[in-house]
């Protein structure tokens, strides 16, 4: 599952589920929440280190989350 697809699959009925995950990822990556939203929307790509951190937080393979990363 792509990173953006994962974020978009989180419940929007409970704003807290999606917002909590965005906040958790932002804290883990030491980034602003708007950066995480841009990554999820595909407007920008996280660095290799940030991809590794995201993979660890989500407990999902990095290659699955970011298949087009160089």
PDB file of N, CA and C in Angstrom:
ATOM      1  N   UNK A   1       0.859  -1.172   0.000  1.00  0.00           N
ATOM      2  CA  UNK A   1       0.000   0.000   0.000  1.00  0.00           C
ATOM      3  C   UNK A   1       0.903   1.232   0.000  1.00  0.00           C
ATOM      4  N   UNK A   2       0.657   2.139  -0.891  1.00  0.00           N
ATOM      5  CA  UNK A   2       1.428   3.372  -0.960  1.00  0.00           C
ATOM      6  C   UNK A   2       1.173   4.236   0.271  1.00  0.00           C
ATOM      7  N   UNK A   3       2.162   5.058   0.624  1.00  0.00           N
ATOM      8  CA  UNK A   3       2.049   5.919   1.799  1.00  0.00           C
ATOM      9  C   UNK A   3       0.812   6.807   1.726  1.00  0.00           C
ATOM     10  N   UNK A   4       0.607   7.465   0.594  1.00  0.00           N
ATOM     11  CA  UNK A   4      -0.567   8.331   0.437  1.00  0.00           C
ATOM     12  C   UNK A   4      -1.861   7.558   0.566  1.00  0.00           C
ATOM     13  N   UNK A   5      -1.888   6.359   0.001  1.00  0.00           N
ATOM     14  CA  UNK A   5      -3.083   5.524   0.114  1.00  0.00           C
ATOM     15  C   UNK A   5      -3.336   5.142   1.569  1.00  0.00           C
ATOM     16  N   UNK A   6      -2.265   4.847   2.297  1.00  0.00           N
ATOM     17  CA  UNK A   6      -2.418   4.489   3.705  1.00  0.00           C
ATOM     18  C   UNK A   6      -3.030   5.656   4.480  1.00  0.00           C
ATOM     19  N   UNK A   7      -2.465   6.842   4.312  1.00  0.00           N
ATOM     20  CA  UNK A   7      -2.970   8.015   5.034  1.00  0.00           C
ATOM     21  C   UNK A   7      -4.417   8.275   4.656  1.00  0.00           C
ATOM     22  N   UNK A   8      -4.740   8.158   3.372  1.00  0.00           N
ATOM     23  CA  UNK A   8      -6.114   8.408   2.925  1.00  0.00           C
ATOM     24  C   UNK A   8      -7.084   7.332   3.383  1.00  0.00           C
ATOM     25  N   UNK A   9      -6.577   6.147   3.721  1.00  0.00           N
ATOM     26  CA  UNK A   9      -7.457   5.075   4.181  1.00  0.00           C
ATOM     27  C   UNK A   9      -7.873   5.245   5.643  1.00  0.00           C
ATOM     28  N   UNK A  10      -7.185   6.102   6.369  1.00  0.00           N
ATOM     29  CA  UNK A  10      -7.540   6.322   7.770  1.00  0.00           C
ATOM     30  C   UNK A  10      -8.900   6.992   7.855  1.00  0.00           C
ATOM     31  N   UNK A  11      -9.615   6.655   8.868  1.00  0.00           N
ATOM     32  CA  UNK A  11     -10.973   7.162   9.044  1.00  0.00           C
ATOM     33  C   UNK A  11     -11.002   8.677   9.123  1.00  0.00           C
ATOM     34  N   UNK A  12     -11.876   9.274   8.344  1.00  0.00           N
ATOM     35  CA  UNK A  12     -12.069  10.717   8.436  1.00  0.00           C
ATOM     36  C   UNK A  12     -13.283  11.037   9.290  1.00  0.00           C
ATOM     37  N   UNK A  13     -14.076  10.012   9.604  1.00  0.00           N
ATOM     38  CA  UNK A  13     -15.200  10.233  10.509  1.00  0.00           C
ATOM     39  C   UNK A  13     -14.679  10.614  11.884  1.00  0.00           C
ATOM     40  N   UNK A  14     -13.627   9.940  12.268  1.00  0.00           N
ATOM     41  CA  UNK A  14     -12.958  10.265  13.516  1.00  0.00           C
ATOM     42  C   UNK A  14     -11.708  11.044  13.125  1.00  0.00           C
ATOM     43  N   UNK A  15     -11.820  12.327  13.142  1.00  0.00           N
ATOM     44  CA  UNK A  15     -10.701  13.177  12.743  1.00  0.00           C
ATOM     45  C   UNK A  15      -9.453  12.804  13.531  1.00  0.00           C
ATOM     46  N   UNK A  16      -9.640  12.346  14.739  1.00  0.00           N
ATOM     47  CA  UNK A  16      -8.508  12.057  15.594  1.00  0.00           C
ATOM     48  C   UNK A  16      -7.622  10.940  15.049  1.00  0.00           C
ATOM     49  N   UNK A  17      -8.173   9.937  14.355  1.00  0.00           N
ATOM     50  CA  UNK A  17      -7.354   8.832  13.856  1.00  0.00           C
ATOM     51  C   UNK A  17      -6.344   9.325  12.820  1.00  0.00           C
ATOM     52  N   UNK A  18      -6.819  10.031  11.819  1.00  0.00           N
ATOM     53  CA  UNK A  18      -5.929  10.540  10.779  1.00  0.00           C
ATOM     54  C   UNK A  18      -5.012  11.621  11.336  1.00  0.00           C
ATOM     55  N   UNK A  19      -5.572  12.539  12.094  1.00  0.00           N
ATOM     56  CA  UNK A  19      -4.781  13.626  12.671  1.00  0.00           C
ATOM     57  C   UNK A  19      -3.722  13.089  13.628  1.00  0.00           C
ATOM     58  N   UNK A  20      -4.074  12.065  14.385  1.00  0.00           N
ATOM     59  CA  UNK A  20      -3.119  11.477  15.325  1.00  0.00           C
ATOM     60  C   UNK A  20      -1.953  10.838  14.584  1.00  0.00           C
ATOM     61  N   UNK A  21      -2.236  10.149  13.486  1.00  0.00           N
ATOM     62  CA  UNK A  21      -1.161   9.524  12.719  1.00  0.00           C
ATOM     63  C   UNK A  21      -0.287  10.577  12.056  1.00  0.00           C
ATOM     64  N   UNK A  22      -0.888  11.617  11.521  1.00  0.00           N
ATOM     65  CA  UNK A  22      -0.106  12.707  10.918  1.00  0.00           C
ATOM     66  C   UNK A  22       0.794  13.336  11.981  1.00  0.00           C
ATOM     67  N   UNK A  23       0.242  13.592  13.153  1.00  0.00           N
ATOM     68  CA  UNK A  23       1.023  14.183  14.244  1.00  0.00           C
ATOM     69  C   UNK A  23       2.158  13.254  14.679  1.00  0.00           C
ATOM     70  N   UNK A  24       1.867  11.975  14.757  1.00  0.00           N
ATOM     71  CA  UNK A  24       2.881  10.989  15.152  1.00  0.00           C
ATOM     72  C   UNK A  24       4.024  10.946  14.137  1.00  0.00           C
ATOM     73  N   UNK A  25       3.675  10.933  12.856  1.00  0.00           N
ATOM     74  CA  UNK A  25       4.698  10.914  11.815  1.00  0.00           C
ATOM     75  C   UNK A  25       5.497  12.213  11.794  1.00  0.00           C
ATOM     76  N   UNK A  26       4.816  13.332  11.983  1.00  0.00           N
ATOM     77  CA  UNK A  26       5.499  14.620  12.010  1.00  0.00           C
ATOM     78  C   UNK A  26       6.503  14.670  13.162  1.00  0.00           C
ATOM     79  N   UNK A  27       6.102  14.186  14.313  1.00  0.00           N
ATOM     80  CA  UNK A  27       7.003  14.171  15.462  1.00  0.00           C
ATOM     81  C   UNK A  27       8.181  13.230  15.228  1.00  0.00           C
ATOM     82  N   UNK A  28       7.910  12.052  14.693  1.00  0.00           N
ATOM     83  CA  UNK A  28       8.973  11.070  14.454  1.00  0.00           C
ATOM     84  C   UNK A  28       9.990  11.573  13.432  1.00  0.00           C
ATOM     85  N   UNK A  29       9.513  12.325  12.454  1.00  0.00           N
ATOM     86  CA  UNK A  29      10.390  12.836  11.391  1.00  0.00           C
ATOM     87  C   UNK A  29      10.903  14.248  11.681  1.00  0.00           C
ATOM     88  N   UNK A  30      10.472  14.824  12.791  1.00  0.00           N
ATOM     89  CA  UNK A  30      10.850  16.215  13.144  1.00  0.00           C
ATOM     90  C   UNK A  30      10.473  17.185  12.028  1.00  0.00           C
ATOM     91  N   UNK A  31       9.252  17.038  11.538  1.00  0.00           N
ATOM     92  CA  UNK A  31       8.729  17.889  10.460  1.00  0.00           C
ATOM     93  C   UNK A  31       7.406  18.499  10.893  1.00  0.00           C
ATOM     94  N   UNK A  32       6.994  19.524  10.171  1.00  0.00           N
ATOM     95  CA  UNK A  32       5.692  20.138  10.357  1.00  0.00           C
ATOM     96  C   UNK A  32       4.634  19.209   9.768  1.00  0.00           C
ATOM     97  N   UNK A  33       3.451  19.194  10.332  1.00  0.00           N
ATOM     98  CA  UNK A  33       2.377  18.324   9.831  1.00  0.00           C
ATOM     99  C   UNK A  33       2.052  18.593   8.364  1.00  0.00           C
ATOM    100  N   UNK A  34       2.187  19.833   7.917  1.00  0.00           N
ATOM    101  CA  UNK A  34       1.897  20.143   6.513  1.00  0.00           C
ATOM    102  C   UNK A  34       2.853  19.401   5.574  1.00  0.00           C
ATOM    103  N   UNK A  35       4.068  19.144   6.031  1.00  0.00           N
ATOM    104  CA  UNK A  35       5.027  18.387   5.224  1.00  0.00           C
ATOM    105  C   UNK A  35       4.520  16.953   5.037  1.00  0.00           C
ATOM    106  N   UNK A  36       3.991  16.364   6.088  1.00  0.00           N
ATOM    107  CA  UNK A  36       3.472  14.990   6.014  1.00  0.00           C
ATOM    108  C   UNK A  36       2.294  14.933   5.047  1.00  0.00           C
ATOM    109  N   UNK A  37       1.407  15.917   5.105  1.00  0.00           N
ATOM    110  CA  UNK A  37       0.282  15.967   4.170  1.00  0.00           C
ATOM    111  C   UNK A  37       0.781  16.088   2.731  1.00  0.00           C
ATOM    112  N   UNK A  38       1.825  16.865   2.496  1.00  0.00           N
ATOM    113  CA  UNK A  38       2.389  16.994   1.145  1.00  0.00           C
ATOM    114  C   UNK A  38       2.989  15.675   0.673  1.00  0.00           C
ATOM    115  N   UNK A  39       3.659  14.961   1.556  1.00  0.00           N
ATOM    116  CA  UNK A  39       4.190  13.649   1.195  1.00  0.00           C
ATOM    117  C   UNK A  39       3.049  12.700   0.839  1.00  0.00           C
ATOM    118  N   UNK A  40       2.014  12.686   1.662  1.00  0.00           N
ATOM    119  CA  UNK A  40       0.883  11.783   1.438  1.00  0.00           C
ATOM    120  C   UNK A  40       0.164  12.093   0.130  1.00  0.00           C
ATOM    121  N   UNK A  41       0.121  13.371  -0.237  1.00  0.00           N
ATOM    122  CA  UNK A  41      -0.552  13.778  -1.474  1.00  0.00           C
ATOM    123  C   UNK A  41       0.340  13.593  -2.700  1.00  0.00           C
ATOM    124  N   UNK A  42       1.607  13.265  -2.478  1.00  0.00           N
ATOM    125  CA  UNK A  42       2.521  13.060  -3.594  1.00  0.00           C
ATOM    126  C   UNK A  42       3.100  14.351  -4.147  1.00  0.00           C
ATOM    127  N   UNK A  43       2.926  15.449  -3.435  1.00  0.00           N
ATOM    128  CA  UNK A  43       3.467  16.734  -3.900  1.00  0.00           C
ATOM    129  C   UNK A  43       4.970  16.820  -3.681  1.00  0.00           C
ATOM    130  N   UNK A  44       5.483  16.054  -2.752  1.00  0.00           N
ATOM    131  CA  UNK A  44       6.918  15.984  -2.503  1.00  0.00           C
ATOM    132  C   UNK A  44       7.240  14.594  -1.966  1.00  0.00           C
ATOM    133  N   UNK A  45       8.528  14.252  -1.946  1.00  0.00           N
ATOM    134  CA  UNK A  45       8.973  12.928  -1.522  1.00  0.00           C
ATOM    135  C   UNK A  45       9.846  13.078  -0.278  1.00  0.00           C
ATOM    136  N   UNK A  46       9.596  12.251   0.731  1.00  0.00           N
ATOM    137  CA  UNK A  46      10.445  12.303   1.919  1.00  0.00           C
ATOM    138  C   UNK A  46      11.865  11.832   1.590  1.00  0.00           C
ATOM    139  N   UNK A  47      12.810  12.291   2.368  1.00  0.00           N
ATOM    140  CA  UNK A  47      14.197  11.860   2.202  1.00  0.00           C
ATOM    141  C   UNK A  47      14.314  10.379   2.556  1.00  0.00           C
ATOM    142  N   UNK A  48      15.450   9.798   2.246  1.00  0.00           N
ATOM    143  CA  UNK A  48      15.678   8.380   2.554  1.00  0.00           C
ATOM    144  C   UNK A  48      15.547   8.121   4.054  1.00  0.00           C
ATOM    145  N   UNK A  49      16.073   9.026   4.862  1.00  0.00           N
ATOM    146  CA  UNK A  49      15.972   8.861   6.312  1.00  0.00           C
ATOM    147  C   UNK A  49      14.522   8.949   6.772  1.00  0.00           C
ATOM    148  N   UNK A  50      13.775   9.918   6.242  1.00  0.00           N
ATOM    149  CA  UNK A  50      12.368  10.052   6.612  1.00  0.00           C
ATOM    150  C   UNK A  50      11.556   8.846   6.157  1.00  0.00           C
ATOM    151  N   UNK A  51      11.865   8.302   4.986  1.00  0.00           N
ATOM    152  CA  UNK A  51      11.161   7.096   4.522  1.00  0.00           C
ATOM    153  C   UNK A  51      11.409   5.933   5.469  1.00  0.00           C
ATOM    154  N   UNK A  52      12.633   5.803   5.959  1.00  0.00           N
ATOM    155  CA  UNK A  52      12.969   4.733   6.899  1.00  0.00           C
ATOM    156  C   UNK A  52      12.208   4.924   8.213  1.00  0.00           C
ATOM    157  N   UNK A  53      12.128   6.152   8.685  1.00  0.00           N
ATOM    158  CA  UNK A  53      11.399   6.442   9.923  1.00  0.00           C
ATOM    159  C   UNK A  53       9.915   6.128   9.746  1.00  0.00           C
ATOM    160  N   UNK A  54       9.334   6.569   8.636  1.00  0.00           N
ATOM    161  CA  UNK A  54       7.921   6.309   8.358  1.00  0.00           C
ATOM    162  C   UNK A  54       7.659   4.816   8.305  1.00  0.00           C
ATOM    163  N   UNK A  55       8.533   4.090   7.632  1.00  0.00           N
ATOM    164  CA  UNK A  55       8.402   2.641   7.528  1.00  0.00           C
ATOM    165  C   UNK A  55       8.396   1.993   8.909  1.00  0.00           C
ATOM    166  N   UNK A  56       9.262   2.472   9.790  1.00  0.00           N
ATOM    167  CA  UNK A  56       9.320   1.935  11.147  1.00  0.00           C
ATOM    168  C   UNK A  56       8.072   2.257  11.953  1.00  0.00           C
ATOM    169  N   UNK A  57       7.603   3.487  11.844  1.00  0.00           N
ATOM    170  CA  UNK A  57       6.406   3.901  12.595  1.00  0.00           C
ATOM    171  C   UNK A  57       5.185   3.108  12.135  1.00  0.00           C
ATOM    172  N   UNK A  58       5.056   2.932  10.820  1.00  0.00           N
ATOM    173  CA  UNK A  58       3.889   2.225  10.280  1.00  0.00           C
ATOM    174  C   UNK A  58       4.067   0.713  10.267  1.00  0.00           C
ATOM    175  N   UNK A  59       5.290   0.254  10.544  1.00  0.00           N
ATOM    176  CA  UNK A  59       5.602  -1.175  10.518  1.00  0.00           C
ATOM    177  C   UNK A  59       5.214  -1.795   9.171  1.00  0.00           C
ATOM    178  N   UNK A  60       5.603  -1.086   8.104  1.00  0.00           N
ATOM    179  CA  UNK A  60       5.328  -1.534   6.738  1.00  0.00           C
ATOM    180  C   UNK A  60       6.622  -1.388   5.940  1.00  0.00           C
ATOM    181  N   UNK A  61       6.829  -2.234   4.933  1.00  0.00           N
ATOM    182  CA  UNK A  61       8.050  -2.147   4.135  1.00  0.00           C
ATOM    183  C   UNK A  61       8.155  -0.813   3.389  1.00  0.00           C
ATOM    184  N   UNK A  62       9.348  -0.234   3.429  1.00  0.00           N
ATOM    185  CA  UNK A  62       9.587   1.035   2.754  1.00  0.00           C
ATOM    186  C   UNK A  62       9.307   0.937   1.260  1.00  0.00           C
ATOM    187  N   UNK A  63       9.704  -0.152   0.646  1.00  0.00           N
ATOM    188  CA  UNK A  63       9.479  -0.330  -0.801  1.00  0.00           C
ATOM    189  C   UNK A  63       8.000  -0.375  -1.154  1.00  0.00           C
ATOM    190  N   UNK A  64       7.192  -0.837  -0.223  1.00  0.00           N
ATOM    191  CA  UNK A  64       5.741  -0.871  -0.467  1.00  0.00           C
ATOM    192  C   UNK A  64       5.141   0.527  -0.337  1.00  0.00           C
ATOM    193  N   UNK A  65       5.625   1.274   0.630  1.00  0.00           N
ATOM    194  CA  UNK A  65       5.101   2.622   0.858  1.00  0.00           C
ATOM    195  C   UNK A  65       5.573   3.610  -0.205  1.00  0.00           C
ATOM    196  N   UNK A  66       6.817   3.456  -0.641  1.00  0.00           N
ATOM    197  CA  UNK A  66       7.428   4.401  -1.584  1.00  0.00           C
ATOM    198  C   UNK A  66       8.108   3.640  -2.725  1.00  0.00           C
ATOM    199  N   UNK A  67       7.334   3.003  -3.586  1.00  0.00           N
ATOM    200  CA  UNK A  67       7.923   2.173  -4.651  1.00  0.00           C
ATOM    201  C   UNK A  67       8.717   2.967  -5.677  1.00  0.00           C
ATOM    202  N   UNK A  68       8.446   4.254  -5.837  1.00  0.00           N
ATOM    203  CA  UNK A  68       9.126   5.057  -6.845  1.00  0.00           C
ATOM    204  C   UNK A  68      10.297   5.851  -6.288  1.00  0.00           C
ATOM    205  N   UNK A  69      10.660   5.580  -5.032  1.00  0.00           N
ATOM    206  CA  UNK A  69      11.781   6.310  -4.418  1.00  0.00           C
ATOM    207  C   UNK A  69      13.090   5.848  -5.038  1.00  0.00           C
ATOM    208  N   UNK A  70      13.997   6.790  -5.161  1.00  0.00           N
ATOM    209  CA  UNK A  70      15.321   6.464  -5.735  1.00  0.00           C
ATOM    210  C   UNK A  70      16.294   6.071  -4.680  1.00  0.00           C
TER     211      UNK A  70
END
